[in-house]
Amino acid sequence: MKFAAVALMSVTLTGCVAAWGQSYKIEFASSTSITINYDPAFTNIGALQSVAQENCDKYKKDALPQASASAGWGLRTISFLCVNRS
C-alpha cells in the first residue's frame, strides 16, 4: 500500500514538470517585472533568481524579489521587479 501511495505521489508531482517541460513556467515578463510559476519540489529560489536575472539583463537591470504565493496543487508563484542598476 505504501508503495502505491509513493508511486501515485511521484506521478502527480512529475505531471507539472511534464506539462511545462521544466520545473517552472514564465507567466509574464517585461522590462519592469517577471512572474514565474514553479514547482518547489523540482526547483529552488536560487534557480528562479537566475531566470529572473536573465530577463532583467536584457534591459540592463537587476532582478529584485517581490512576492511569493501558493498557486494551488503544491505549486507557487514568485514575482521579481526589474530595477535600474546602481
Protein backbone atom coordinates (compact mmCIF):
# COMPACT_ATOMS: atom_id res chain seq x y z
CA MET A 1 0.00 0.00 0.00
CA LYS A 2 2.79 2.40 0.90
CA PHE A 3 4.50 1.77 -2.46
CA ALA A 4 1.27 2.60 -4.32
CA ALA A 5 0.96 5.92 -2.46
CA VAL A 6 4.58 6.83 -3.23
CA ALA A 7 4.11 5.89 -6.90
CA LEU A 8 0.93 7.98 -7.13
CA MET A 9 2.66 10.94 -5.49
CA SER A 10 5.59 10.62 -7.88
CA VAL A 11 3.29 10.63 -10.91
CA THR A 12 1.36 13.59 -9.52
CA LEU A 13 4.50 15.64 -8.88
CA THR A 14 6.08 14.91 -12.23
CA GLY A 15 2.88 15.90 -14.03
CA CYS A 16 3.68 19.59 -13.60
CA VAL A 17 7.20 19.21 -14.94
CA ALA A 18 5.91 17.18 -17.90
CA ALA A 19 3.23 19.76 -18.71
CA TRP A 20 5.72 22.65 -18.66
CA GLY A 21 8.70 20.66 -19.88
CA GLN A 22 10.71 22.04 -16.94
CA SER A 23 10.35 22.87 -13.25
CA TYR A 24 8.98 26.38 -13.87
CA LYS A 25 6.94 28.41 -16.33
CA ILE A 26 7.30 32.13 -17.01
CA GLU A 27 3.79 33.58 -16.79
CA PHE A 28 4.72 37.18 -17.60
CA ALA A 29 7.93 39.00 -18.47
CA SER A 30 8.63 42.62 -19.39
CA SER A 31 11.23 45.33 -18.88
CA THR A 32 9.76 46.08 -15.44
CA SER A 33 8.93 42.65 -13.95
CA ILE A 34 8.72 38.90 -14.33
CA THR A 35 6.31 36.40 -12.77
CA ILE A 36 7.19 32.70 -12.63
CA ASN A 37 5.07 29.68 -11.67
CA TYR A 38 7.19 26.88 -10.24
CA ASP A 39 7.13 23.52 -8.54
CA PRO A 40 9.15 23.78 -5.31
CA ALA A 41 9.73 20.02 -5.38
CA PHE A 42 11.85 20.44 -8.53
CA THR A 43 13.49 23.87 -8.29
CA ASN A 44 14.69 26.41 -5.75
CA ILE A 45 14.65 30.17 -5.31
CA GLY A 46 18.27 30.50 -6.45
CA ALA A 47 17.46 28.95 -9.82
CA LEU A 48 14.42 31.21 -10.19
CA GLN A 49 16.51 34.27 -9.32
CA SER A 50 18.81 33.32 -12.21
CA VAL A 51 15.85 33.02 -14.60
CA ALA A 52 14.56 36.42 -13.48
CA GLN A 53 18.02 37.98 -13.79
CA GLU A 54 18.35 36.69 -17.37
CA ASN A 55 15.13 38.52 -18.23
CA CYS A 56 16.15 41.74 -16.48
CA ASP A 57 19.66 41.61 -18.03
CA LYS A 58 18.02 42.21 -21.43
CA TYR A 59 17.13 45.68 -20.14
CA LYS A 60 20.39 46.25 -18.22
CA LYS A 61 18.50 45.93 -14.92
CA ASP A 62 18.71 43.77 -11.78
CA ALA A 63 16.04 41.32 -10.60
CA LEU A 64 14.67 42.13 -7.15
CA PRO A 65 12.37 39.52 -5.49
CA GLN A 66 8.94 40.93 -4.61
CA ALA A 67 6.35 38.33 -3.65
CA SER A 68 5.83 34.60 -3.45
CA ALA A 69 2.47 32.88 -3.05
CA SER A 70 0.81 29.48 -3.28
CA ALA A 71 -0.72 28.85 -6.68
CA GLY A 72 -2.59 25.61 -5.89
CA TRP A 73 -1.74 21.94 -6.38
CA GLY A 74 1.51 22.45 -4.47
CA LEU A 75 2.78 24.99 -6.99
CA ARG A 76 3.97 28.50 -6.16
CA THR A 77 4.27 31.84 -7.94
CA ILE A 78 7.13 34.29 -7.47
CA SER A 79 7.48 37.82 -8.83
CA PHE A 80 10.57 39.95 -9.38
CA LEU A 81 10.90 43.61 -10.26
CA CYS A 82 13.49 44.67 -12.82
CA VAL A 83 15.18 47.71 -11.23
CA ASN A 84 17.81 50.06 -12.61
CA ARG A 85 21.34 49.11 -11.67
CA SER A 86 23.05 51.43 -9.21
